[in-house]
Amino acid sequence: MSPTGKGKQDIRVSMDKDTYRLVKRLAGVSETSMNSMINQAIERFLESDDIQSVIKRHRLEEDDEE
């Protein structure tokens, strides 16, 4: 079974060492995982007004698999 669980997709993220260290330390003092922090950041990014307008303009939320 995949460690990501049902309905999830693994991705790989590369970042510079300083950013990695900061995120890791922040996760530690926040008592959360780096994975959770990165997911939360992506969700906030996707909810931003400018990104929402791009999503709507290009109909990116439409399901292509139907």
PDB file of N, CA and C in Angstrom:
ATOM      1  N   MET A   1       0.839  -1.192   0.000  1.00  0.00           N
ATOM      2  CA  MET A   1       0.000   0.000   0.000  1.00  0.00           C
ATOM      3  C   MET A   1       0.879   1.249   0.000  1.00  0.00           C
ATOM      4  N   SER A   2       0.455   2.238  -0.720  1.00  0.00           N
ATOM      5  CA  SER A   2       1.197   3.482  -0.819  1.00  0.00           C
ATOM      6  C   SER A   2       1.190   4.224   0.523  1.00  0.00           C
ATOM      7  N   PRO A   3       2.314   4.843   0.918  1.00  0.00           N
ATOM      8  CA  PRO A   3       2.344   5.584   2.172  1.00  0.00           C
ATOM      9  C   PRO A   3       1.494   6.854   2.127  1.00  0.00           C
ATOM     10  N   THR A   4       1.093   7.278   0.947  1.00  0.00           N
ATOM     11  CA  THR A   4       0.305   8.500   0.840  1.00  0.00           C
ATOM     12  C   THR A   4      -1.159   8.262   1.141  1.00  0.00           C
ATOM     13  N   GLY A   5      -1.632   7.037   0.989  1.00  0.00           N
ATOM     14  CA  GLY A   5      -3.026   6.742   1.271  1.00  0.00           C
ATOM     15  C   GLY A   5      -3.905   6.982   0.070  1.00  0.00           C
ATOM     16  N   LYS A   6      -5.155   6.593   0.234  1.00  0.00           N
ATOM     17  CA  LYS A   6      -6.129   6.693  -0.850  1.00  0.00           C
ATOM     18  C   LYS A   6      -6.444   8.154  -1.178  1.00  0.00           C
ATOM     19  N   GLY A   7      -6.481   8.455  -2.463  1.00  0.00           N
ATOM     20  CA  GLY A   7      -6.846   9.795  -2.900  1.00  0.00           C
ATOM     21  C   GLY A   7      -5.728  10.818  -2.824  1.00  0.00           C
ATOM     22  N   LYS A   8      -4.528  10.385  -2.576  1.00  0.00           N
ATOM     23  CA  LYS A   8      -3.398  11.311  -2.496  1.00  0.00           C
ATOM     24  C   LYS A   8      -2.369  10.954  -3.550  1.00  0.00           C
ATOM     25  N   GLN A   9      -1.566  11.941  -3.919  1.00  0.00           N
ATOM     26  CA  GLN A   9      -0.532  11.768  -4.938  1.00  0.00           C
ATOM     27  C   GLN A   9       0.786  12.280  -4.383  1.00  0.00           C
ATOM     28  N   ASP A  10       1.835  11.492  -4.496  1.00  0.00           N
ATOM     29  CA  ASP A  10       3.160  11.935  -4.081  1.00  0.00           C
ATOM     30  C   ASP A  10       3.733  12.904  -5.101  1.00  0.00           C
ATOM     31  N   ILE A  11       4.477  13.885  -4.598  1.00  0.00           N
ATOM     32  CA  ILE A  11       5.245  14.782  -5.454  1.00  0.00           C
ATOM     33  C   ILE A  11       6.629  14.931  -4.826  1.00  0.00           C
ATOM     34  N   ARG A  12       7.556  15.397  -5.603  1.00  0.00           N
ATOM     35  CA  ARG A  12       8.892  15.674  -5.093  1.00  0.00           C
ATOM     36  C   ARG A  12       9.130  17.170  -5.200  1.00  0.00           C
ATOM     37  N   VAL A  13       9.640  17.755  -4.138  1.00  0.00           N
ATOM     38  CA  VAL A  13       9.894  19.191  -4.095  1.00  0.00           C
ATOM     39  C   VAL A  13      11.359  19.426  -3.784  1.00  0.00           C
ATOM     40  N   SER A  14      12.008  20.268  -4.559  1.00  0.00           N
ATOM     41  CA  SER A  14      13.387  20.659  -4.294  1.00  0.00           C
ATOM     42  C   SER A  14      13.395  22.116  -3.851  1.00  0.00           C
ATOM     43  N   MET A  15      14.221  22.407  -2.855  1.00  0.00           N
ATOM     44  CA  MET A  15      14.348  23.786  -2.381  1.00  0.00           C
ATOM     45  C   MET A  15      15.774  23.985  -1.907  1.00  0.00           C
ATOM     46  N   ASP A  16      16.171  25.242  -1.805  1.00  0.00           N
ATOM     47  CA  ASP A  16      17.532  25.493  -1.355  1.00  0.00           C
ATOM     48  C   ASP A  16      17.679  25.090   0.109  1.00  0.00           C
ATOM     49  N   LYS A  17      18.917  24.856   0.519  1.00  0.00           N
ATOM     50  CA  LYS A  17      19.195  24.317   1.846  1.00  0.00           C
ATOM     51  C   LYS A  17      18.705  25.217   2.973  1.00  0.00           C
ATOM     52  N   ASP A  18      18.858  26.532   2.807  1.00  0.00           N
ATOM     53  CA  ASP A  18      18.420  27.458   3.855  1.00  0.00           C
ATOM     54  C   ASP A  18      16.907  27.395   4.049  1.00  0.00           C
ATOM     55  N   THR A  19      16.168  27.325   2.943  1.00  0.00           N
ATOM     56  CA  THR A  19      14.712  27.221   3.028  1.00  0.00           C
ATOM     57  C   THR A  19      14.318  25.912   3.688  1.00  0.00           C
ATOM     58  N   TYR A  20      14.976  24.826   3.295  1.00  0.00           N
ATOM     59  CA  TYR A  20      14.700  23.518   3.881  1.00  0.00           C
ATOM     60  C   TYR A  20      14.912  23.547   5.402  1.00  0.00           C
ATOM     61  N   ARG A  21      16.042  24.078   5.825  1.00  0.00           N
ATOM     62  CA  ARG A  21      16.341  24.128   7.262  1.00  0.00           C
ATOM     63  C   ARG A  21      15.312  24.957   8.019  1.00  0.00           C
ATOM     64  N   LEU A  22      14.920  26.077   7.444  1.00  0.00           N
ATOM     65  CA  LEU A  22      13.935  26.940   8.097  1.00  0.00           C
ATOM     66  C   LEU A  22      12.574  26.245   8.208  1.00  0.00           C
ATOM     67  N   VAL A  23      12.135  25.611   7.124  1.00  0.00           N
ATOM     68  CA  VAL A  23      10.851  24.902   7.148  1.00  0.00           C
ATOM     69  C   VAL A  23      10.900  23.752   8.156  1.00  0.00           C
ATOM     70  N   LYS A  24      12.001  23.035   8.184  1.00  0.00           N
ATOM     71  CA  LYS A  24      12.151  21.920   9.116  1.00  0.00           C
ATOM     72  C   LYS A  24      12.092  22.403  10.563  1.00  0.00           C
ATOM     73  N   ARG A  25      12.796  23.483  10.868  1.00  0.00           N
ATOM     74  CA  ARG A  25      12.778  24.038  12.226  1.00  0.00           C
ATOM     75  C   ARG A  25      11.400  24.578  12.586  1.00  0.00           C
ATOM     76  N   LEU A  26      10.769  25.246  11.633  1.00  0.00           N
ATOM     77  CA  LEU A  26       9.432  25.786  11.858  1.00  0.00           C
ATOM     78  C   LEU A  26       8.426  24.671  12.128  1.00  0.00           C
ATOM     79  N   ALA A  27       8.535  23.596  11.389  1.00  0.00           N
ATOM     80  CA  ALA A  27       7.665  22.443  11.620  1.00  0.00           C
ATOM     81  C   ALA A  27       7.894  21.885  13.022  1.00  0.00           C
ATOM     82  N   GLY A  28       9.137  21.831  13.439  1.00  0.00           N
ATOM     83  CA  GLY A  28       9.457  21.317  14.764  1.00  0.00           C
ATOM     84  C   GLY A  28       8.850  22.145  15.878  1.00  0.00           C
ATOM     85  N   VAL A  29       9.032  23.456  15.815  1.00  0.00           N
ATOM     86  CA  VAL A  29       8.479  24.306  16.883  1.00  0.00           C
ATOM     87  C   VAL A  29       6.963  24.424  16.788  1.00  0.00           C
ATOM     88  N   SER A  30       6.406  24.148  15.625  1.00  0.00           N
ATOM     89  CA  SER A  30       4.950  24.186  15.441  1.00  0.00           C
ATOM     90  C   SER A  30       4.305  22.836  15.740  1.00  0.00           C
ATOM     91  N   GLU A  31       5.137  21.849  16.040  1.00  0.00           N
ATOM     92  CA  GLU A  31       4.675  20.485  16.317  1.00  0.00           C
ATOM     93  C   GLU A  31       3.810  19.934  15.185  1.00  0.00           C
ATOM     94  N   THR A  32       4.299  20.116  13.969  1.00  0.00           N
ATOM     95  CA  THR A  32       3.631  19.598  12.781  1.00  0.00           C
ATOM     96  C   THR A  32       4.696  19.031  11.844  1.00  0.00           C
ATOM     97  N   SER A  33       4.268  18.404  10.783  1.00  0.00           N
ATOM     98  CA  SER A  33       5.231  17.849   9.833  1.00  0.00           C
ATOM     99  C   SER A  33       5.522  18.851   8.724  1.00  0.00           C
ATOM    100  N   MET A  34       6.666  18.664   8.080  1.00  0.00           N
ATOM    101  CA  MET A  34       6.984  19.485   6.917  1.00  0.00           C
ATOM    102  C   MET A  34       5.942  19.255   5.830  1.00  0.00           C
ATOM    103  N   ASN A  35       5.509  18.015   5.661  1.00  0.00           N
ATOM    104  CA  ASN A  35       4.492  17.686   4.674  1.00  0.00           C
ATOM    105  C   ASN A  35       3.217  18.495   4.912  1.00  0.00           C
ATOM    106  N   SER A  36       2.785  18.550   6.152  1.00  0.00           N
ATOM    107  CA  SER A  36       1.576  19.306   6.495  1.00  0.00           C
ATOM    108  C   SER A  36       1.761  20.799   6.216  1.00  0.00           C
ATOM    109  N   MET A  37       2.916  21.329   6.572  1.00  0.00           N
ATOM    110  CA  MET A  37       3.179  22.754   6.335  1.00  0.00           C
ATOM    111  C   MET A  37       3.176  23.081   4.839  1.00  0.00           C
ATOM    112  N   ILE A  38       3.805  22.229   4.039  1.00  0.00           N
ATOM    113  CA  ILE A  38       3.872  22.475   2.598  1.00  0.00           C
ATOM    114  C   ILE A  38       2.489  22.346   1.966  1.00  0.00           C
ATOM    115  N   ASN A  39       1.724  21.344   2.397  1.00  0.00           N
ATOM    116  CA  ASN A  39       0.357  21.212   1.897  1.00  0.00           C
ATOM    117  C   ASN A  39      -0.488  22.442   2.231  1.00  0.00           C
ATOM    118  N   GLN A  40      -0.340  22.937   3.451  1.00  0.00           N
ATOM    119  CA  GLN A  40      -1.073  24.125   3.889  1.00  0.00           C
ATOM    120  C   GLN A  40      -0.674  25.350   3.045  1.00  0.00           C
ATOM    121  N   ALA A  41       0.614  25.486   2.758  1.00  0.00           N
ATOM    122  CA  ALA A  41       1.091  26.608   1.940  1.00  0.00           C
ATOM    123  C   ALA A  41       0.531  26.534   0.520  1.00  0.00           C
ATOM    124  N   ILE A  42       0.489  25.330  -0.040  1.00  0.00           N
ATOM    125  CA  ILE A  42      -0.056  25.163  -1.391  1.00  0.00           C
ATOM    126  C   ILE A  42      -1.543  25.486  -1.412  1.00  0.00           C
ATOM    127  N   GLU A  43      -2.283  25.026  -0.401  1.00  0.00           N
ATOM    128  CA  GLU A  43      -3.718  25.330  -0.323  1.00  0.00           C
ATOM    129  C   GLU A  43      -3.954  26.840  -0.257  1.00  0.00           C
ATOM    130  N   ARG A  44      -3.187  27.532   0.565  1.00  0.00           N
ATOM    131  CA  ARG A  44      -3.317  28.999   0.668  1.00  0.00           C
ATOM    132  C   ARG A  44      -2.998  29.666  -0.670  1.00  0.00           C
ATOM    133  N   PHE A  45      -1.971  29.196  -1.333  1.00  0.00           N
ATOM    134  CA  PHE A  45      -1.599  29.721  -2.639  1.00  0.00           C
ATOM    135  C   PHE A  45      -2.754  29.547  -3.631  1.00  0.00           C
ATOM    136  N   LEU A  46      -3.336  28.348  -3.660  1.00  0.00           N
ATOM    137  CA  LEU A  46      -4.424  28.059  -4.595  1.00  0.00           C
ATOM    138  C   LEU A  46      -5.686  28.859  -4.285  1.00  0.00           C
ATOM    139  N   GLU A  47      -5.859  29.261  -3.040  1.00  0.00           N
ATOM    140  CA  GLU A  47      -7.030  30.038  -2.642  1.00  0.00           C
ATOM    141  C   GLU A  47      -6.875  31.532  -2.919  1.00  0.00           C
ATOM    142  N   SER A  48      -5.679  31.980  -3.252  1.00  0.00           N
ATOM    143  CA  SER A  48      -5.457  33.413  -3.476  1.00  0.00           C
ATOM    144  C   SER A  48      -6.255  33.902  -4.688  1.00  0.00           C
ATOM    145  N   ASP A  49      -6.677  35.146  -4.634  1.00  0.00           N
ATOM    146  CA  ASP A  49      -7.550  35.705  -5.674  1.00  0.00           C
ATOM    147  C   ASP A  49      -6.942  35.622  -7.071  1.00  0.00           C
ATOM    148  N   ASP A  50      -5.671  35.965  -7.196  1.00  0.00           N
ATOM    149  CA  ASP A  50      -5.059  35.952  -8.528  1.00  0.00           C
ATOM    150  C   ASP A  50      -4.971  34.540  -9.097  1.00  0.00           C
ATOM    151  N   ILE A  51      -4.659  33.575  -8.273  1.00  0.00           N
ATOM    152  CA  ILE A  51      -4.586  32.190  -8.744  1.00  0.00           C
ATOM    153  C   ILE A  51      -5.985  31.658  -9.035  1.00  0.00           C
ATOM    154  N   GLN A  52      -6.962  32.022  -8.227  1.00  0.00           N
ATOM    155  CA  GLN A  52      -8.340  31.593  -8.485  1.00  0.00           C
ATOM    156  C   GLN A  52      -8.836  32.125  -9.833  1.00  0.00           C
ATOM    157  N   SER A  53      -8.436  33.334 -10.197  1.00  0.00           N
ATOM    158  CA  SER A  53      -8.852  33.870 -11.492  1.00  0.00           C
ATOM    159  C   SER A  53      -8.221  33.095 -12.646  1.00  0.00           C
ATOM    160  N   VAL A  54      -6.981  32.662 -12.483  1.00  0.00           N
ATOM    161  CA  VAL A  54      -6.318  31.833 -13.505  1.00  0.00           C
ATOM    162  C   VAL A  54      -7.015  30.481 -13.608  1.00  0.00           C
ATOM    163  N   ILE A  55      -7.335  29.885 -12.484  1.00  0.00           N
ATOM    164  CA  ILE A  55      -8.025  28.587 -12.463  1.00  0.00           C
ATOM    165  C   ILE A  55      -9.364  28.683 -13.179  1.00  0.00           C
ATOM    166  N   LYS A  56     -10.114  29.739 -12.881  1.00  0.00           N
ATOM    167  CA  LYS A  56     -11.428  29.911 -13.514  1.00  0.00           C
ATOM    168  C   LYS A  56     -11.304  30.226 -14.999  1.00  0.00           C
ATOM    169  N   ARG A  57     -10.376  31.106 -15.357  1.00  0.00           N
ATOM    170  CA  ARG A  57     -10.209  31.509 -16.753  1.00  0.00           C
ATOM    171  C   ARG A  57      -9.845  30.316 -17.641  1.00  0.00           C
ATOM    172  N   HIS A  58      -9.026  29.429 -17.125  1.00  0.00           N
ATOM    173  CA  HIS A  58      -8.573  28.276 -17.908  1.00  0.00           C
ATOM    174  C   HIS A  58      -9.365  27.003 -17.606  1.00  0.00           C
ATOM    175  N   ARG A  59     -10.390  27.157 -16.767  1.00  0.00           N
ATOM    176  CA  ARG A  59     -11.260  26.031 -16.380  1.00  0.00           C
ATOM    177  C   ARG A  59     -10.443  24.837 -15.887  1.00  0.00           C
ATOM    178  N   LEU A  60      -9.502  25.107 -15.011  1.00  0.00           N
ATOM    179  CA  LEU A  60      -8.579  24.078 -14.540  1.00  0.00           C
ATOM    180  C   LEU A  60      -9.201  23.105 -13.546  1.00  0.00           C
ATOM    181  N   GLU A  61     -10.324  23.457 -12.969  1.00  0.00           N
ATOM    182  CA  GLU A  61     -10.971  22.552 -12.020  1.00  0.00           C
ATOM    183  C   GLU A  61     -11.888  21.558 -12.704  1.00  0.00           C
ATOM    184  N   GLU A  62     -12.117  21.724 -13.979  1.00  0.00           N
ATOM    185  CA  GLU A  62     -12.963  20.783 -14.701  1.00  0.00           C
ATOM    186  C   GLU A  62     -12.278  19.432 -14.761  1.00  0.00           C
ATOM    187  N   ASP A  63     -13.034  18.370 -14.590  1.00  0.00           N
ATOM    188  CA  ASP A  63     -12.484  17.014 -14.580  1.00  0.00           C
ATOM    189  C   ASP A  63     -12.290  16.541 -16.001  1.00  0.00           C
ATOM    190  N   ASP A  64     -11.040  16.289 -16.384  1.00  0.00           N
ATOM    191  CA  ASP A  64     -10.708  15.821 -17.732  1.00  0.00           C
ATOM    192  C   ASP A  64     -10.919  14.333 -17.904  1.00  0.00           C
ATOM    193  N   GLU A  65     -11.142  13.596 -16.818  1.00  0.00           N
ATOM    194  CA  GLU A  65     -11.208  12.145 -16.877  1.00  0.00           C
ATOM    195  C   GLU A  65     -12.605  11.607 -17.147  1.00  0.00           C
ATOM    196  N   GLU A  66     -13.587  12.452 -17.308  1.00  0.00           N
ATOM    197  CA  GLU A  66     -14.960  11.975 -17.542  1.00  0.00           C
ATOM    198  C   GLU A  66     -15.135  11.465 -18.937  1.00  0.00           C
TER     199      GLU A  66
END
